[in-house]
Amino acid sequence: ARTPPFRLSGIAGHEIWHQNWDPYLPRKGLYIERRLPVIGFQG
């Protein structure tokens, strides 16, 4: 990829991902994550 597909911003400790290339993904999305040690992934 020549340009980063996502741009990062933050507010009050929350990560907001920005994108405008995919209509099926939110243009501004709140990013959250959770460890899944039982199956060895990060959700």
PDB file of all heavy atoms in Angstrom:
ATOM      1  N   ALA A   1       0.841  -1.196   0.000  1.00  0.00           N
ATOM      2  CA  ALA A   1       0.000   0.000   0.000  1.00  0.00           C
ATOM      3  C   ALA A   1       0.873   1.240   0.000  1.00  0.00           C
ATOM      4  O   ALA A   1       1.792   1.366   0.791  1.00  0.00           O
ATOM      5  CB  ALA A   1      -0.925  -0.012   1.223  1.00  0.00           C
ATOM      6  N   ARG A   2       0.585   2.190  -0.910  1.00  0.00           N
ATOM      7  CA  ARG A   2       1.369   3.410  -0.995  1.00  0.00           C
ATOM      8  C   ARG A   2       0.977   4.411   0.100  1.00  0.00           C
ATOM      9  O   ARG A   2       1.812   5.138   0.614  1.00  0.00           O
ATOM     10  CB  ARG A   2       1.185   4.050  -2.370  1.00  0.00           C
ATOM     11  CG  ARG A   2       1.722   3.202  -3.494  1.00  0.00           C
ATOM     12  CD  ARG A   2       1.567   3.917  -4.825  1.00  0.00           C
ATOM     13  NE  ARG A   2       2.116   3.113  -5.926  1.00  0.00           N
ATOM     14  CZ  ARG A   2       2.123   3.498  -7.210  1.00  0.00           C
ATOM     15  NH1 ARG A   2       1.590   4.696  -7.525  1.00  0.00           N
ATOM     16  NH2 ARG A   2       2.629   2.721  -8.134  1.00  0.00           N
ATOM     17  N   THR A   3      -0.301   4.472   0.392  1.00  0.00           N
ATOM     18  CA  THR A   3      -0.781   5.361   1.457  1.00  0.00           C
ATOM     19  C   THR A   3      -1.459   4.511   2.524  1.00  0.00           C
ATOM     20  O   THR A   3      -2.099   3.497   2.213  1.00  0.00           O
ATOM     21  CB  THR A   3      -1.786   6.380   0.893  1.00  0.00           C
ATOM     22  OG1 THR A   3      -2.887   5.689   0.299  1.00  0.00           O
ATOM     23  CG2 THR A   3      -1.118   7.270  -0.139  1.00  0.00           C
ATOM     24  N   PRO A   4      -1.327   4.888   3.778  1.00  0.00           N
ATOM     25  CA  PRO A   4      -1.987   4.101   4.850  1.00  0.00           C
ATOM     26  C   PRO A   4      -3.506   4.078   4.654  1.00  0.00           C
ATOM     27  O   PRO A   4      -4.122   5.122   4.428  1.00  0.00           O
ATOM     28  CB  PRO A   4      -1.601   4.853   6.125  1.00  0.00           C
ATOM     29  CG  PRO A   4      -0.398   5.651   5.763  1.00  0.00           C
ATOM     30  CD  PRO A   4      -0.563   6.008   4.319  1.00  0.00           C
ATOM     31  N   PRO A   5      -4.118   2.908   4.674  1.00  0.00           N
ATOM     32  CA  PRO A   5      -5.582   2.842   4.480  1.00  0.00           C
ATOM     33  C   PRO A   5      -6.356   3.414   5.668  1.00  0.00           C
ATOM     34  O   PRO A   5      -7.520   3.791   5.507  1.00  0.00           O
ATOM     35  CB  PRO A   5      -5.849   1.342   4.317  1.00  0.00           C
ATOM     36  CG  PRO A   5      -4.698   0.671   4.991  1.00  0.00           C
ATOM     37  CD  PRO A   5      -3.517   1.568   4.822  1.00  0.00           C
ATOM     38  N   PHE A   6      -5.752   3.458   6.843  1.00  0.00           N
ATOM     39  CA  PHE A   6      -6.446   3.978   8.030  1.00  0.00           C
ATOM     40  C   PHE A   6      -5.643   5.132   8.614  1.00  0.00           C
ATOM     41  O   PHE A   6      -4.409   5.173   8.519  1.00  0.00           O
ATOM     42  CB  PHE A   6      -6.608   2.889   9.109  1.00  0.00           C
ATOM     43  CG  PHE A   6      -7.594   1.819   8.745  1.00  0.00           C
ATOM     44  CD1 PHE A   6      -7.169   0.611   8.197  1.00  0.00           C
ATOM     45  CD2 PHE A   6      -8.949   2.005   8.945  1.00  0.00           C
ATOM     46  CE1 PHE A   6      -8.060  -0.373   7.865  1.00  0.00           C
ATOM     47  CE2 PHE A   6      -9.856   1.017   8.608  1.00  0.00           C
ATOM     48  CZ  PHE A   6      -9.430  -0.174   8.071  1.00  0.00           C
ATOM     49  N   ARG A   7      -6.361   6.086   9.203  1.00  0.00           N
ATOM     50  CA  ARG A   7      -5.748   7.200   9.907  1.00  0.00           C
ATOM     51  C   ARG A   7      -6.244   7.182  11.339  1.00  0.00           C
ATOM     52  O   ARG A   7      -7.437   6.948  11.592  1.00  0.00           O
ATOM     53  CB  ARG A   7      -6.103   8.521   9.225  1.00  0.00           C
ATOM     54  CG  ARG A   7      -5.471   9.748   9.875  1.00  0.00           C
ATOM     55  CD  ARG A   7      -5.707  10.985   9.009  1.00  0.00           C
ATOM     56  NE  ARG A   7      -7.128  11.181   8.734  1.00  0.00           N
ATOM     57  CZ  ARG A   7      -7.964  11.844   9.560  1.00  0.00           C
ATOM     58  NH1 ARG A   7      -7.508  12.349  10.715  1.00  0.00           N
ATOM     59  NH2 ARG A   7      -9.221  11.997   9.240  1.00  0.00           N
ATOM     60  N   LEU A   8      -5.359   7.415  12.290  1.00  0.00           N
ATOM     61  CA  LEU A   8      -5.666   7.264  13.704  1.00  0.00           C
ATOM     62  C   LEU A   8      -5.854   8.637  14.357  1.00  0.00           C
ATOM     63  O   LEU A   8      -5.112   9.570  14.087  1.00  0.00           O
ATOM     64  CB  LEU A   8      -4.535   6.505  14.427  1.00  0.00           C
ATOM     65  CG  LEU A   8      -4.693   6.308  15.937  1.00  0.00           C
ATOM     66  CD1 LEU A   8      -5.903   5.438  16.240  1.00  0.00           C
ATOM     67  CD2 LEU A   8      -3.421   5.693  16.529  1.00  0.00           C
ATOM     68  N   SER A   9      -6.885   8.736  15.208  1.00  0.00           N
ATOM     69  CA  SER A   9      -7.083   9.906  16.067  1.00  0.00           C
ATOM     70  C   SER A   9      -7.582   9.407  17.417  1.00  0.00           C
ATOM     71  O   SER A   9      -7.994   8.246  17.552  1.00  0.00           O
ATOM     72  CB  SER A   9      -8.094  10.897  15.453  1.00  0.00           C
ATOM     73  OG  SER A   9      -9.393  10.313  15.419  1.00  0.00           O
ATOM     74  N   GLY A  10      -7.526  10.279  18.396  1.00  0.00           N
ATOM     75  CA  GLY A  10      -7.940   9.871  19.737  1.00  0.00           C
ATOM     76  C   GLY A  10      -8.703  10.971  20.445  1.00  0.00           C
ATOM     77  O   GLY A  10      -8.513  12.163  20.176  1.00  0.00           O
ATOM     78  N   ILE A  11      -9.577  10.555  21.354  1.00  0.00           N
ATOM     79  CA  ILE A  11     -10.320  11.502  22.186  1.00  0.00           C
ATOM     80  C   ILE A  11     -10.650  10.818  23.510  1.00  0.00           C
ATOM     81  O   ILE A  11     -11.231   9.719  23.522  1.00  0.00           O
ATOM     82  CB  ILE A  11     -11.623  11.991  21.492  1.00  0.00           C
ATOM     83  CG1 ILE A  11     -12.394  12.929  22.405  1.00  0.00           C
ATOM     84  CG2 ILE A  11     -12.484  10.838  21.054  1.00  0.00           C
ATOM     85  CD1 ILE A  11     -13.569  13.616  21.716  1.00  0.00           C
ATOM     86  N   ALA A  12     -10.199  11.428  24.584  1.00  0.00           N
ATOM     87  CA  ALA A  12     -10.474  10.933  25.949  1.00  0.00           C
ATOM     88  C   ALA A  12     -10.065   9.471  26.101  1.00  0.00           C
ATOM     89  O   ALA A  12     -10.781   8.663  26.703  1.00  0.00           O
ATOM     90  CB  ALA A  12     -11.945  11.114  26.294  1.00  0.00           C
ATOM     91  N   GLY A  13      -8.915   9.096  25.517  1.00  0.00           N
ATOM     92  CA  GLY A  13      -8.423   7.739  25.668  1.00  0.00           C
ATOM     93  C   GLY A  13      -9.025   6.740  24.707  1.00  0.00           C
ATOM     94  O   GLY A  13      -8.724   5.540  24.803  1.00  0.00           O
ATOM     95  N   HIS A  14      -9.860   7.144  23.777  1.00  0.00           N
ATOM     96  CA  HIS A  14     -10.478   6.240  22.799  1.00  0.00           C
ATOM     97  C   HIS A  14      -9.772   6.394  21.465  1.00  0.00           C
ATOM     98  O   HIS A  14      -9.470   7.517  21.027  1.00  0.00           O
ATOM     99  CB  HIS A  14     -11.974   6.560  22.637  1.00  0.00           C
ATOM    100  CG  HIS A  14     -12.770   6.407  23.893  1.00  0.00           C
ATOM    101  ND1 HIS A  14     -13.101   5.185  24.426  1.00  0.00           N
ATOM    102  CD2 HIS A  14     -13.299   7.343  24.729  1.00  0.00           C
ATOM    103  CE1 HIS A  14     -13.797   5.367  25.523  1.00  0.00           C
ATOM    104  NE2 HIS A  14     -13.935   6.670  25.738  1.00  0.00           N
ATOM    105  N   GLU A  15      -9.512   5.263  20.776  1.00  0.00           N
ATOM    106  CA  GLU A  15      -8.897   5.276  19.448  1.00  0.00           C
ATOM    107  C   GLU A  15      -9.988   5.311  18.386  1.00  0.00           C
ATOM    108  O   GLU A  15     -10.917   4.490  18.409  1.00  0.00           O
ATOM    109  CB  GLU A  15      -8.021   4.032  19.242  1.00  0.00           C
ATOM    110  CG  GLU A  15      -6.742   4.035  20.059  1.00  0.00           C
ATOM    111  CD  GLU A  15      -5.833   2.866  19.664  1.00  0.00           C
ATOM    112  OE1 GLU A  15      -6.067   2.286  18.583  1.00  0.00           O
ATOM    113  OE2 GLU A  15      -4.914   2.550  20.434  1.00  0.00           O
ATOM    114  N   ILE A  16      -9.865   6.250  17.466  1.00  0.00           N
ATOM    115  CA  ILE A  16     -10.805   6.379  16.363  1.00  0.00           C
ATOM    116  C   ILE A  16     -10.035   6.148  15.067  1.00  0.00           C
ATOM    117  O   ILE A  16      -9.045   6.831  14.788  1.00  0.00           O
ATOM    118  CB  ILE A  16     -11.471   7.771  16.337  1.00  0.00           C
ATOM    119  CG1 ILE A  16     -12.095   8.093  17.705  1.00  0.00           C
ATOM    120  CG2 ILE A  16     -12.533   7.840  15.255  1.00  0.00           C
ATOM    121  CD1 ILE A  16     -13.181   7.162  18.132  1.00  0.00           C
ATOM    122  N   TRP A  17     -10.490   5.157  14.276  1.00  0.00           N
ATOM    123  CA  TRP A  17      -9.880   4.867  12.978  1.00  0.00           C
ATOM    124  C   TRP A  17     -10.704   5.544  11.887  1.00  0.00           C
ATOM    125  O   TRP A  17     -11.933   5.422  11.867  1.00  0.00           O
ATOM    126  CB  TRP A  17      -9.822   3.361  12.726  1.00  0.00           C
ATOM    127  CG  TRP A  17      -8.806   2.645  13.580  1.00  0.00           C
ATOM    128  CD1 TRP A  17      -8.213   3.108  14.700  1.00  0.00           C
ATOM    129  CD2 TRP A  17      -8.291   1.343  13.355  1.00  0.00           C
ATOM    130  NE1 TRP A  17      -7.342   2.178  15.207  1.00  0.00           N
ATOM    131  CE2 TRP A  17      -7.369   1.064  14.400  1.00  0.00           C
ATOM    132  CE3 TRP A  17      -8.497   0.363  12.385  1.00  0.00           C
ATOM    133  CZ2 TRP A  17      -6.684  -0.127  14.498  1.00  0.00           C
ATOM    134  CZ3 TRP A  17      -7.812  -0.832  12.474  1.00  0.00           C
ATOM    135  CH2 TRP A  17      -6.903  -1.073  13.526  1.00  0.00           C
ATOM    136  N   HIS A  18     -10.022   6.241  10.973  1.00  0.00           N
ATOM    137  CA  HIS A  18     -10.670   6.933   9.879  1.00  0.00           C
ATOM    138  C   HIS A  18     -10.317   6.227   8.569  1.00  0.00           C
ATOM    139  O   HIS A  18      -9.170   5.838   8.348  1.00  0.00           O
ATOM    140  CB  HIS A  18     -10.210   8.395   9.810  1.00  0.00           C
ATOM    141  CG  HIS A  18     -10.455   9.164  11.080  1.00  0.00           C
ATOM    142  ND1 HIS A  18     -11.514  10.015  11.246  1.00  0.00           N
ATOM    143  CD2 HIS A  18      -9.761   9.198  12.261  1.00  0.00           C
ATOM    144  CE1 HIS A  18     -11.463  10.562  12.457  1.00  0.00           C
ATOM    145  NE2 HIS A  18     -10.403  10.079  13.097  1.00  0.00           N
ATOM    146  N   GLN A  19     -11.288   6.084   7.673  1.00  0.00           N
ATOM    147  CA  GLN A  19     -11.043   5.537   6.338  1.00  0.00           C
ATOM    148  C   GLN A  19     -12.157   6.028   5.421  1.00  0.00           C
ATOM    149  O   GLN A  19     -13.263   6.345   5.875  1.00  0.00           O
ATOM    150  CB  GLN A  19     -11.006   4.000   6.388  1.00  0.00           C
ATOM    151  CG  GLN A  19     -12.315   3.338   6.761  1.00  0.00           C
ATOM    152  CD  GLN A  19     -13.217   3.092   5.560  1.00  0.00           C
ATOM    153  OE1 GLN A  19     -12.728   2.963   4.423  1.00  0.00           O
ATOM    154  NE2 GLN A  19     -14.528   3.045   5.799  1.00  0.00           N
ATOM    155  N   ASN A  20     -11.883   6.059   4.142  1.00  0.00           N
ATOM    156  CA  ASN A  20     -12.899   6.459   3.159  1.00  0.00           C
ATOM    157  C   ASN A  20     -12.801   5.648   1.871  1.00  0.00           C
ATOM    158  O   ASN A  20     -13.204   6.104   0.802  1.00  0.00           O
ATOM    159  CB  ASN A  20     -12.765   7.953   2.827  1.00  0.00           C
ATOM    160  CG  ASN A  20     -11.363   8.318   2.352  1.00  0.00           C
ATOM    161  OD1 ASN A  20     -10.515   7.437   2.162  1.00  0.00           O
ATOM    162  ND2 ASN A  20     -11.108   9.603   2.147  1.00  0.00           N
ATOM    163  N   TRP A  21     -12.254   4.428   1.973  1.00  0.00           N
ATOM    164  CA  TRP A  21     -12.061   3.607   0.782  1.00  0.00           C
ATOM    165  C   TRP A  21     -13.006   2.412   0.732  1.00  0.00           C
ATOM    166  O   TRP A  21     -13.119   1.764  -0.317  1.00  0.00           O
ATOM    167  CB  TRP A  21     -10.614   3.101   0.714  1.00  0.00           C
ATOM    168  CG  TRP A  21     -10.157   2.407   1.976  1.00  0.00           C
ATOM    169  CD1 TRP A  21      -9.564   2.991   3.033  1.00  0.00           C
ATOM    170  CD2 TRP A  21     -10.289   1.021   2.288  1.00  0.00           C
ATOM    171  NE1 TRP A  21      -9.302   2.073   4.013  1.00  0.00           N
ATOM    172  CE2 TRP A  21      -9.742   0.828   3.574  1.00  0.00           C
ATOM    173  CE3 TRP A  21     -10.810  -0.085   1.622  1.00  0.00           C
ATOM    174  CZ2 TRP A  21      -9.715  -0.407   4.192  1.00  0.00           C
ATOM    175  CZ3 TRP A  21     -10.766  -1.325   2.239  1.00  0.00           C
ATOM    176  CH2 TRP A  21     -10.222  -1.473   3.520  1.00  0.00           C
ATOM    177  N   ASP A  22     -13.690   2.069   1.830  1.00  0.00           N
ATOM    178  CA  ASP A  22     -14.546   0.881   1.852  1.00  0.00           C
ATOM    179  C   ASP A  22     -15.920   1.269   2.395  1.00  0.00           C
ATOM    180  O   ASP A  22     -16.045   1.738   3.534  1.00  0.00           O
ATOM    181  CB  ASP A  22     -13.937  -0.205   2.744  1.00  0.00           C
ATOM    182  CG  ASP A  22     -14.651  -1.550   2.578  1.00  0.00           C
ATOM    183  OD1 ASP A  22     -15.818  -1.541   2.144  1.00  0.00           O
ATOM    184  OD2 ASP A  22     -14.048  -2.584   2.905  1.00  0.00           O
ATOM    185  N   PRO A  23     -16.984   1.084   1.600  1.00  0.00           N
ATOM    186  CA  PRO A  23     -18.323   1.454   2.086  1.00  0.00           C
ATOM    187  C   PRO A  23     -18.853   0.500   3.154  1.00  0.00           C
ATOM    188  O   PRO A  23     -19.848   0.834   3.814  1.00  0.00           O
ATOM    189  CB  PRO A  23     -19.182   1.387   0.813  1.00  0.00           C
ATOM    190  CG  PRO A  23     -18.471   0.405  -0.066  1.00  0.00           C
ATOM    191  CD  PRO A  23     -17.010   0.579   0.208  1.00  0.00           C
ATOM    192  N   TYR A  24     -18.245  -0.654   3.328  1.00  0.00           N
ATOM    193  CA  TYR A  24     -18.731  -1.634   4.304  1.00  0.00           C
ATOM    194  C   TYR A  24     -18.054  -1.497   5.659  1.00  0.00           C
ATOM    195  O   TYR A  24     -18.372  -2.249   6.583  1.00  0.00           O
ATOM    196  CB  TYR A  24     -18.547  -3.056   3.765  1.00  0.00           C
ATOM    197  CG  TYR A  24     -19.299  -3.293   2.481  1.00  0.00           C
ATOM    198  CD1 TYR A  24     -18.625  -3.340   1.260  1.00  0.00           C
ATOM    199  CD2 TYR A  24     -20.677  -3.445   2.481  1.00  0.00           C
ATOM    200  CE1 TYR A  24     -19.297  -3.541   0.078  1.00  0.00           C
ATOM    201  CE2 TYR A  24     -21.365  -3.650   1.300  1.00  0.00           C
ATOM    202  CZ  TYR A  24     -20.687  -3.696   0.103  1.00  0.00           C
ATOM    203  OH  TYR A  24     -21.360  -3.897  -1.074  1.00  0.00           O
ATOM    204  N   LEU A  25     -17.105  -0.578   5.754  1.00  0.00           N
ATOM    205  CA  LEU A  25     -16.462  -0.288   7.022  1.00  0.00           C
ATOM    206  C   LEU A  25     -16.861   1.119   7.473  1.00  0.00           C
ATOM    207  O   LEU A  25     -17.106   1.993   6.631  1.00  0.00           O
ATOM    208  CB  LEU A  25     -14.929  -0.364   6.888  1.00  0.00           C
ATOM    209  CG  LEU A  25     -14.334  -1.754   6.649  1.00  0.00           C
ATOM    210  CD1 LEU A  25     -12.845  -1.634   6.385  1.00  0.00           C
ATOM    211  CD2 LEU A  25     -14.600  -2.673   7.830  1.00  0.00           C
ATOM    212  N   PRO A  26     -16.965   1.367   8.765  1.00  0.00           N
ATOM    213  CA  PRO A  26     -17.343   2.714   9.225  1.00  0.00           C
ATOM    214  C   PRO A  26     -16.285   3.739   8.831  1.00  0.00           C
ATOM    215  O   PRO A  26     -15.076   3.484   8.898  1.00  0.00           O
ATOM    216  CB  PRO A  26     -17.448   2.557  10.737  1.00  0.00           C
ATOM    217  CG  PRO A  26     -16.647   1.349  11.072  1.00  0.00           C
ATOM    218  CD  PRO A  26     -16.762   0.436   9.904  1.00  0.00           C
ATOM    219  N   ARG A  27     -16.742   4.914   8.386  1.00  0.00           N
ATOM    220  CA  ARG A  27     -15.798   5.978   8.028  1.00  0.00           C
ATOM    221  C   ARG A  27     -15.016   6.422   9.260  1.00  0.00           C
ATOM    222  O   ARG A  27     -13.849   6.758   9.161  1.00  0.00           O
ATOM    223  CB  ARG A  27     -16.559   7.165   7.417  1.00  0.00           C
ATOM    224  CG  ARG A  27     -17.220   6.829   6.096  1.00  0.00           C
ATOM    225  CD  ARG A  27     -17.970   8.030   5.549  1.00  0.00           C
ATOM    226  NE  ARG A  27     -17.079   9.138   5.275  1.00  0.00           N
ATOM    227  CZ  ARG A  27     -16.394   9.308   4.145  1.00  0.00           C
ATOM    228  NH1 ARG A  27     -16.506   8.407   3.170  1.00  0.00           N
ATOM    229  NH2 ARG A  27     -15.612  10.352   3.975  1.00  0.00           N
ATOM    230  N   LYS A  28     -15.705   6.443  10.404  1.00  0.00           N
ATOM    231  CA  LYS A  28     -15.033   6.705  11.670  1.00  0.00           C
ATOM    232  C   LYS A  28     -15.464   5.592  12.617  1.00  0.00           C
ATOM    233  O   LYS A  28     -16.643   5.456  12.940  1.00  0.00           O
ATOM    234  CB  LYS A  28     -15.432   8.068  12.250  1.00  0.00           C
ATOM    235  CG  LYS A  28     -14.955   9.246  11.432  1.00  0.00           C
ATOM    236  CD  LYS A  28     -15.359  10.561  12.105  1.00  0.00           C
ATOM    237  CE  LYS A  28     -14.909  11.760  11.292  1.00  0.00           C
ATOM    238  NZ  LYS A  28     -15.285  13.037  11.952  1.00  0.00           N
ATOM    239  N   GLY A  29     -14.476   4.781  13.016  1.00  0.00           N
ATOM    240  CA  GLY A  29     -14.788   3.635  13.846  1.00  0.00           C
ATOM    241  C   GLY A  29     -14.035   3.658  15.167  1.00  0.00           C
ATOM    242  O   GLY A  29     -12.833   3.948  15.207  1.00  0.00           O
ATOM    243  N   LEU A  30     -14.753   3.326  16.256  1.00  0.00           N
ATOM    244  CA  LEU A  30     -14.130   3.193  17.568  1.00  0.00           C
ATOM    245  C   LEU A  30     -13.453   1.825  17.625  1.00  0.00           C
ATOM    246  O   LEU A  30     -14.107   0.790  17.439  1.00  0.00           O
ATOM    247  CB  LEU A  30     -15.183   3.330  18.667  1.00  0.00           C
ATOM    248  CG  LEU A  30     -14.716   3.072  20.100  1.00  0.00           C
ATOM    249  CD1 LEU A  30     -13.690   4.118  20.529  1.00  0.00           C
ATOM    250  CD2 LEU A  30     -15.902   3.052  21.055  1.00  0.00           C
ATOM    251  N   TYR A  31     -12.142   1.819  17.903  1.00  0.00           N
ATOM    252  CA  TYR A  31     -11.367   0.576  17.917  1.00  0.00           C
ATOM    253  C   TYR A  31     -11.325   0.013  19.338  1.00  0.00           C
ATOM    254  O   TYR A  31     -10.967   0.706  20.289  1.00  0.00           O
ATOM    255  CB  TYR A  31      -9.948   0.827  17.416  1.00  0.00           C
ATOM    256  CG  TYR A  31      -9.049  -0.389  17.514  1.00  0.00           C
ATOM    257  CD1 TYR A  31      -9.160  -1.433  16.613  1.00  0.00           C
ATOM    258  CD2 TYR A  31      -8.103  -0.490  18.535  1.00  0.00           C
ATOM    259  CE1 TYR A  31      -8.347  -2.549  16.704  1.00  0.00           C
ATOM    260  CE2 TYR A  31      -7.284  -1.605  18.631  1.00  0.00           C
ATOM    261  CZ  TYR A  31      -7.405  -2.637  17.732  1.00  0.00           C
ATOM    262  OH  TYR A  31      -6.618  -3.750  17.828  1.00  0.00           O
ATOM    263  N   ILE A  32     -11.724  -1.267  19.466  1.00  0.00           N
ATOM    264  CA  ILE A  32     -11.608  -1.988  20.732  1.00  0.00           C
ATOM    265  C   ILE A  32     -10.985  -3.345  20.444  1.00  0.00           C
ATOM    266  O   ILE A  32     -11.052  -3.856  19.314  1.00  0.00           O
ATOM    267  CB  ILE A  32     -12.985  -2.170  21.428  1.00  0.00           C
ATOM    268  CG1 ILE A  32     -13.936  -2.968  20.524  1.00  0.00           C
ATOM    269  CG2 ILE A  32     -13.591  -0.832  21.816  1.00  0.00           C
ATOM    270  CD1 ILE A  32     -15.266  -3.311  21.203  1.00  0.00           C
ATOM    271  N   GLU A  33     -10.348  -3.943  21.462  1.00  0.00           N
ATOM    272  CA  GLU A  33      -9.718  -5.243  21.296  1.00  0.00           C
ATOM    273  C   GLU A  33      -9.886  -6.073  22.557  1.00  0.00           C
ATOM    274  O   GLU A  33     -10.096  -5.535  23.654  1.00  0.00           O
ATOM    275  CB  GLU A  33      -8.235  -5.091  20.960  1.00  0.00           C
ATOM    276  CG  GLU A  33      -7.424  -4.375  22.027  1.00  0.00           C
ATOM    277  CD  GLU A  33      -5.972  -4.173  21.618  1.00  0.00           C
ATOM    278  OE1 GLU A  33      -5.689  -4.301  20.427  1.00  0.00           O
ATOM    279  OE2 GLU A  33      -5.146  -3.898  22.501  1.00  0.00           O
ATOM    280  N   ARG A  34      -9.767  -7.396  22.364  1.00  0.00           N
ATOM    281  CA  ARG A  34      -9.934  -8.331  23.471  1.00  0.00           C
ATOM    282  C   ARG A  34      -9.100  -9.571  23.184  1.00  0.00           C
ATOM    283  O   ARG A  34      -9.148 -10.116  22.070  1.00  0.00           O
ATOM    284  CB  ARG A  34     -11.414  -8.725  23.620  1.00  0.00           C
ATOM    285  CG  ARG A  34     -11.683  -9.703  24.750  1.00  0.00           C
ATOM    286  CD  ARG A  34     -13.090 -10.240  24.659  1.00  0.00           C
ATOM    287  NE  ARG A  34     -13.413 -11.118  25.760  1.00  0.00           N
ATOM    288  CZ  ARG A  34     -14.349 -12.045  25.754  1.00  0.00           C
ATOM    289  NH1 ARG A  34     -15.067 -12.238  24.653  1.00  0.00           N
ATOM    290  NH2 ARG A  34     -14.593 -12.795  26.804  1.00  0.00           N
ATOM    291  N   ARG A  35      -8.341 -10.022  24.179  1.00  0.00           N
ATOM    292  CA  ARG A  35      -7.516 -11.212  24.025  1.00  0.00           C
ATOM    293  C   ARG A  35      -8.401 -12.458  24.083  1.00  0.00           C
ATOM    294  O   ARG A  35      -9.326 -12.561  24.887  1.00  0.00           O
ATOM    295  CB  ARG A  35      -6.474 -11.281  25.126  1.00  0.00           C
ATOM    296  CG  ARG A  35      -5.484 -10.127  25.148  1.00  0.00           C
ATOM    297  CD  ARG A  35      -4.597 -10.099  23.925  1.00  0.00           C
ATOM    298  NE  ARG A  35      -3.818 -11.329  23.811  1.00  0.00           N
ATOM    299  CZ  ARG A  35      -3.042 -11.643  22.784  1.00  0.00           C
ATOM    300  NH1 ARG A  35      -2.961 -10.798  21.755  1.00  0.00           N
ATOM    301  NH2 ARG A  35      -2.356 -12.766  22.770  1.00  0.00           N
ATOM    302  N   LEU A  36      -8.053 -13.449  23.173  1.00  0.00           N
ATOM    303  CA  LEU A  36      -8.761 -14.733  23.134  1.00  0.00           C
ATOM    304  C   LEU A  36      -7.718 -15.836  23.308  1.00  0.00           C
ATOM    305  O   LEU A  36      -7.343 -16.525  22.345  1.00  0.00           O
ATOM    306  CB  LEU A  36      -9.510 -14.894  21.809  1.00  0.00           C
ATOM    307  CG  LEU A  36     -10.494 -13.769  21.447  1.00  0.00           C
ATOM    308  CD1 LEU A  36     -11.083 -14.011  20.063  1.00  0.00           C
ATOM    309  CD2 LEU A  36     -11.600 -13.681  22.498  1.00  0.00           C
ATOM    310  N   PRO A  37      -7.236 -16.060  24.539  1.00  0.00           N
ATOM    311  CA  PRO A  37      -6.153 -17.038  24.731  1.00  0.00           C
ATOM    312  C   PRO A  37      -6.581 -18.478  24.453  1.00  0.00           C
ATOM    313  O   PRO A  37      -5.741 -19.329  24.178  1.00  0.00           O
ATOM    314  CB  PRO A  37      -5.775 -16.837  26.202  1.00  0.00           C
ATOM    315  CG  PRO A  37      -6.993 -16.269  26.848  1.00  0.00           C
ATOM    316  CD  PRO A  37      -7.649 -15.423  25.808  1.00  0.00           C
ATOM    317  N   VAL A  38      -7.862 -18.773  24.505  1.00  0.00           N
ATOM    318  CA  VAL A  38      -8.308 -20.155  24.307  1.00  0.00           C
ATOM    319  C   VAL A  38      -8.014 -20.622  22.888  1.00  0.00           C
ATOM    320  O   VAL A  38      -7.629 -21.776  22.663  1.00  0.00           O
ATOM    321  CB  VAL A  38      -9.811 -20.262  24.643  1.00  0.00           C
ATOM    322  CG1 VAL A  38     -10.323 -21.674  24.354  1.00  0.00           C
ATOM    323  CG2 VAL A  38     -10.056 -19.896  26.099  1.00  0.00           C
ATOM    324  N   ILE A  39      -8.175 -19.729  21.917  1.00  0.00           N
ATOM    325  CA  ILE A  39      -7.921 -20.121  20.524  1.00  0.00           C
ATOM    326  C   ILE A  39      -6.697 -19.418  19.964  1.00  0.00           C
ATOM    327  O   ILE A  39      -6.387 -19.556  18.775  1.00  0.00           O
ATOM    328  CB  ILE A  39      -9.147 -19.828  19.641  1.00  0.00           C
ATOM    329  CG1 ILE A  39      -9.538 -18.350  19.738  1.00  0.00           C
ATOM    330  CG2 ILE A  39     -10.318 -20.706  20.047  1.00  0.00           C
ATOM    331  CD1 ILE A  39     -10.705 -17.975  18.831  1.00  0.00           C
ATOM    332  N   GLY A  40      -5.998 -18.613  20.791  1.00  0.00           N
ATOM    333  CA  GLY A  40      -4.735 -18.025  20.378  1.00  0.00           C
ATOM    334  C   GLY A  40      -4.860 -16.834  19.455  1.00  0.00           C
ATOM    335  O   GLY A  40      -3.954 -16.598  18.645  1.00  0.00           O
ATOM    336  N   PHE A  41      -5.910 -16.072  19.534  1.00  0.00           N
ATOM    337  CA  PHE A  41      -6.089 -14.899  18.695  1.00  0.00           C
ATOM    338  C   PHE A  41      -6.329 -13.666  19.577  1.00  0.00           C
ATOM    339  O   PHE A  41      -6.604 -13.768  20.775  1.00  0.00           O
ATOM    340  CB  PHE A  41      -7.289 -15.067  17.746  1.00  0.00           C
ATOM    341  CG  PHE A  41      -7.039 -16.059  16.647  1.00  0.00           C
ATOM    342  CD1 PHE A  41      -7.654 -17.305  16.649  1.00  0.00           C
ATOM    343  CD2 PHE A  41      -6.203 -15.737  15.588  1.00  0.00           C
ATOM    344  CE1 PHE A  41      -7.442 -18.199  15.644  1.00  0.00           C
ATOM    345  CE2 PHE A  41      -5.983 -16.647  14.570  1.00  0.00           C
ATOM    346  CZ  PHE A  41      -6.594 -17.882  14.600  1.00  0.00           C
ATOM    347  N   GLN A  42      -6.286 -12.509  18.905  1.00  0.00           N
ATOM    348  CA  GLN A  42      -6.726 -11.258  19.525  1.00  0.00           C
ATOM    349  C   GLN A  42      -7.919 -10.746  18.727  1.00  0.00           C
ATOM    350  O   GLN A  42      -7.815 -10.517  17.521  1.00  0.00           O
ATOM    351  CB  GLN A  42      -5.614 -10.210  19.535  1.00  0.00           C
ATOM    352  CG  GLN A  42      -6.095  -8.838  20.050  1.00  0.00           C
ATOM    353  CD  GLN A  42      -4.991  -7.825  20.129  1.00  0.00           C
ATOM    354  OE1 GLN A  42      -4.140  -7.879  21.011  1.00  0.00           O
ATOM    355  NE2 GLN A  42      -4.984  -6.880  19.180  1.00  0.00           N
ATOM    356  N   GLY A  43      -9.048 -10.567  19.415  1.00  0.00           N
ATOM    357  CA  GLY A  43     -10.249 -10.072  18.752  1.00  0.00           C
ATOM    358  C   GLY A  43     -10.295  -8.559  18.765  1.00  0.00           C
ATOM    359  O   GLY A  43     -10.033  -7.925  19.787  1.00  0.00           O
TER     360      GLY A  43
END
